[in-house]
C-alpha atoms as a PDB file:
ATOM      1  CA  UNK A   1      81.722 100.529 145.645  1.00  0.00           C
ATOM      2  CA  UNK A   2      80.476 102.966 148.575  1.00  0.00           C
ATOM      3  CA  UNK A   3      84.150 104.225 149.039  1.00  0.00           C
ATOM      4  CA  UNK A   4      84.706 104.196 145.161  1.00  0.00           C
ATOM      5  CA  UNK A   5      88.064 102.690 145.716  1.00  0.00           C
ATOM      6  CA  UNK A   6      90.167 100.669 143.225  1.00  0.00           C
ATOM      7  CA  UNK A   7      90.758  97.242 144.752  1.00  0.00           C
ATOM      8  CA  UNK A   8      92.623  95.480 141.963  1.00  0.00           C
ATOM      9  CA  UNK A   9      94.314  96.228 138.793  1.00  0.00           C
ATOM     10  CA  UNK A  10      96.498  94.439 136.153  1.00  0.00           C
ATOM     11  CA  UNK A  11      98.023  95.379 132.900  1.00  0.00           C
ATOM     12  CA  UNK A  12      97.518  93.189 129.740  1.00  0.00           C
ATOM     13  CA  UNK A  13      99.823  92.912 126.950  1.00  0.00           C
ATOM     14  CA  UNK A  14      97.158  92.736 124.336  1.00  0.00           C
ATOM     15  CA  UNK A  15      94.278  95.308 123.948  1.00  0.00           C
ATOM     16  CA  UNK A  16      91.015  94.133 125.836  1.00  0.00           C
ATOM     17  CA  UNK A  17      87.863  94.246 123.715  1.00  0.00           C
ATOM     18  CA  UNK A  18      85.097  92.367 125.904  1.00  0.00           C
ATOM     19  CA  UNK A  19      84.805  91.221 129.489  1.00  0.00           C
ATOM     20  CA  UNK A  20      82.471  88.955 131.459  1.00  0.00           C
ATOM     21  CA  UNK A  21      82.281  87.711 135.042  1.00  0.00           C
ATOM     22  CA  UNK A  22      81.250  83.957 135.812  1.00  0.00           C
ATOM     23  CA  UNK A  23      78.345  83.722 138.107  1.00  0.00           C
ATOM     24  CA  UNK A  24      79.882  84.013 141.375  1.00  0.00           C
ATOM     25  CA  UNK A  25      82.231  86.946 140.428  1.00  0.00           C
ATOM     26  CA  UNK A  26      85.453  84.725 141.051  1.00  0.00           C
ATOM     27  CA  UNK A  27      86.671  84.798 137.616  1.00  0.00           C
ATOM     28  CA  UNK A  28      86.738  87.312 134.855  1.00  0.00           C
ATOM     29  CA  UNK A  29      86.971  86.605 131.095  1.00  0.00           C
ATOM     30  CA  UNK A  30      88.806  88.961 128.853  1.00  0.00           C
ATOM     31  CA  UNK A  31      88.275  88.869 125.200  1.00  0.00           C
ATOM     32  CA  UNK A  32      91.397  90.266 123.256  1.00  0.00           C
ATOM     33  CA  UNK A  33      91.803  92.382 120.071  1.00  0.00           C
ATOM     34  CA  UNK A  34      94.248  89.587 118.679  1.00  0.00           C
ATOM     35  CA  UNK A  35      91.553  86.843 118.681  1.00  0.00           C
ATOM     36  CA  UNK A  36      92.628  85.294 122.253  1.00  0.00           C
ATOM     37  CA  UNK A  37      90.775  85.426 125.394  1.00  0.00           C
ATOM     38  CA  UNK A  38      92.198  85.460 129.096  1.00  0.00           C
ATOM     39  CA  UNK A  39      90.506  84.157 132.315  1.00  0.00           C
ATOM     40  CA  UNK A  40      91.561  85.790 135.361  1.00  0.00           C
ATOM     41  CA  UNK A  41      90.990  84.873 139.187  1.00  0.00           C
ATOM     42  CA  UNK A  42      89.603  88.190 140.570  1.00  0.00           C
ATOM     43  CA  UNK A  43      90.970  87.877 144.055  1.00  0.00           C
ATOM     44  CA  UNK A  44      94.442  88.158 142.963  1.00  0.00           C
ATOM     45  CA  UNK A  45      94.195  89.045 139.208  1.00  0.00           C
ATOM     46  CA  UNK A  46      96.168  86.004 138.221  1.00  0.00           C
ATOM     47  CA  UNK A  47      95.724  84.095 135.022  1.00  0.00           C
ATOM     48  CA  UNK A  48      93.756  80.780 135.090  1.00  0.00           C
ATOM     49  CA  UNK A  49      93.903  80.271 131.179  1.00  0.00           C
ATOM     50  CA  UNK A  50      94.900  82.035 128.080  1.00  0.00           C
ATOM     51  CA  UNK A  51      93.463  80.746 124.803  1.00  0.00           C
ATOM     52  CA  UNK A  52      94.114  81.744 121.127  1.00  0.00           C
ATOM     53  CA  UNK A  53      91.962  79.788 118.761  1.00  0.00           C
ATOM     54  CA  UNK A  54      90.861  82.622 116.682  1.00  0.00           C
ATOM     55  CA  UNK A  55      92.829  85.327 114.465  1.00  0.00           C
ATOM     56  CA  UNK A  56      90.139  88.220 114.745  1.00  0.00           C
ATOM     57  CA  UNK A  57      88.973  90.107 117.765  1.00  0.00           C
ATOM     58  CA  UNK A  58      86.593  88.721 120.459  1.00  0.00           C
ATOM     59  CA  UNK A  59      83.554  90.925 120.465  1.00  0.00           C
ATOM     60  CA  UNK A  60      81.641  89.175 123.110  1.00  0.00           C
ATOM     61  CA  UNK A  61      82.002  86.391 125.733  1.00  0.00           C
ATOM     62  CA  UNK A  62      79.477  85.038 128.327  1.00  0.00           C
ATOM     63  CA  UNK A  63      79.367  82.383 130.801  1.00  0.00           C
ATOM     64  CA  UNK A  64      76.465  80.102 130.789  1.00  0.00           C
ATOM     65  CA  UNK A  65      73.527  80.620 133.221  1.00  0.00           C
ATOM     66  CA  UNK A  66      74.771  77.665 135.571  1.00  0.00           C
ATOM     67  CA  UNK A  67      78.632  78.581 134.964  1.00  0.00           C
ATOM     68  CA  UNK A  68      79.576  75.403 133.381  1.00  0.00           C
ATOM     69  CA  UNK A  69      80.424  76.945 129.975  1.00  0.00           C
ATOM     70  CA  UNK A  70      81.996  79.930 128.611  1.00  0.00           C
ATOM     71  CA  UNK A  71      81.021  81.098 124.938  1.00  0.00           C
ATOM     72  CA  UNK A  72      83.451  83.185 123.054  1.00  0.00           C
ATOM     73  CA  UNK A  73      82.147  85.163 119.914  1.00  0.00           C
ATOM     74  CA  UNK A  74      84.769  86.440 117.417  1.00  0.00           C
ATOM     75  CA  UNK A  75      84.746  88.841 114.489  1.00  0.00           C
ATOM     76  CA  UNK A  76      85.021  85.909 112.257  1.00  0.00           C
ATOM     77  CA  UNK A  77      81.601  84.748 112.908  1.00  0.00           C
ATOM     78  CA  UNK A  78      82.571  81.785 115.033  1.00  0.00           C
ATOM     79  CA  UNK A  79      81.035  81.093 118.517  1.00  0.00           C
ATOM     80  CA  UNK A  80      83.514  78.654 120.642  1.00  0.00           C
ATOM     81  CA  UNK A  81      82.109  76.907 123.570  1.00  0.00           C
ATOM     82  CA  UNK A  82      84.525  76.189 126.487  1.00  0.00           C
ATOM     83  CA  UNK A  83      84.025  73.876 129.427  1.00  0.00           C
ATOM     84  CA  UNK A  84      84.826  75.634 132.656  1.00  0.00           C
ATOM     85  CA  UNK A  85      85.396  72.819 134.796  1.00  0.00           C
ATOM     86  CA  UNK A  86      87.729  71.045 132.289  1.00  0.00           C
ATOM     87  CA  UNK A  87      90.172  74.084 132.365  1.00  0.00           C
ATOM     88  CA  UNK A  88      88.370  75.809 129.797  1.00  0.00           C
ATOM     89  CA  UNK A  89      88.712  72.975 127.071  1.00  0.00           C
ATOM     90  CA  UNK A  90      86.959  73.714 123.641  1.00  0.00           C
ATOM     91  CA  UNK A  91      83.955  71.355 123.642  1.00  0.00           C
ATOM     92  CA  UNK A  92      81.841  73.033 120.759  1.00  0.00           C
ATOM     93  CA  UNK A  93      81.999  75.475 117.802  1.00  0.00           C
ATOM     94  CA  UNK A  94      78.857  77.436 116.538  1.00  0.00           C
ATOM     95  CA  UNK A  95      79.683  78.437 112.867  1.00  0.00           C
ATOM     96  CA  UNK A  96      76.483  79.300 110.981  1.00  0.00           C
ATOM     97  CA  UNK A  97      76.881  83.139 110.986  1.00  0.00           C
ATOM     98  CA  UNK A  98      78.288  84.890 107.914  1.00  0.00           C
ATOM     99  CA  UNK A  99      79.114  88.124 109.797  1.00  0.00           C
ATOM    100  CA  UNK A 100      80.831  89.196 112.925  1.00  0.00           C
ATOM    101  CA  UNK A 101      79.256  88.152 116.432  1.00  0.00           C
ATOM    102  CA  UNK A 102      77.807  91.310 118.320  1.00  0.00           C
ATOM    103  CA  UNK A 103      76.168  89.931 121.161  1.00  0.00           C
ATOM    104  CA  UNK A 104      75.695  86.652 123.135  1.00  0.00           C
ATOM    105  CA  UNK A 105      73.283  85.600 125.645  1.00  0.00           C
ATOM    106  CA  UNK A 106      73.192  81.881 125.149  1.00  0.00           C
ATOM    107  CA  UNK A 107      71.633  82.906 121.775  1.00  0.00           C
ATOM    108  CA  UNK A 108      73.533  85.087 119.075  1.00  0.00           C
ATOM    109  CA  UNK A 109      72.932  88.229 117.109  1.00  0.00           C
ATOM    110  CA  UNK A 110      75.442  88.952 114.317  1.00  0.00           C
ATOM    111  CA  UNK A 111      76.489  92.063 112.202  1.00  0.00           C
ATOM    112  CA  UNK A 112      73.957  91.263 109.433  1.00  0.00           C
ATOM    113  CA  UNK A 113      71.065  91.467 111.974  1.00  0.00           C
ATOM    114  CA  UNK A 114      70.657  87.632 111.989  1.00  0.00           C
ATOM    115  CA  UNK A 115      69.616  85.407 115.134  1.00  0.00           C
ATOM    116  CA  UNK A 116      70.921  82.165 115.903  1.00  0.00           C
ATOM    117  CA  UNK A 117      69.900  79.622 118.309  1.00  0.00           C
ATOM    118  CA  UNK A 118      72.080  76.655 119.390  1.00  0.00           C
ATOM    119  CA  UNK A 119      71.378  73.452 121.294  1.00  0.00           C
ATOM    120  CA  UNK A 120      73.744  72.677 124.178  1.00  0.00           C
ATOM    121  CA  UNK A 121      73.912  68.874 125.261  1.00  0.00           C
END
């Protein structure tokens, strides 16, 4: 930052709509316009996983406070939960929203102004 220098770059085939770093900054999750998400290793910008479980844009993604999970919120109103240590295996789905997901912080707001809270095991 002090030198304002680009240190890494990669080109994505799909348009990126949202981003989130994990807790230690070693991985970067990218939510795509096509409903997929990609996780990159920051040190060399290589792909860890690419997963497409939704058909609509990924508006928001957030790693859990302890770094164990990644929540992925899409335009179709779903929030999918992935276990980081299990190579981003899908372990849950939050589906009560009737509108697109606008924000995640391990609680959820949707486009209708509703707030949702889910309990993690």
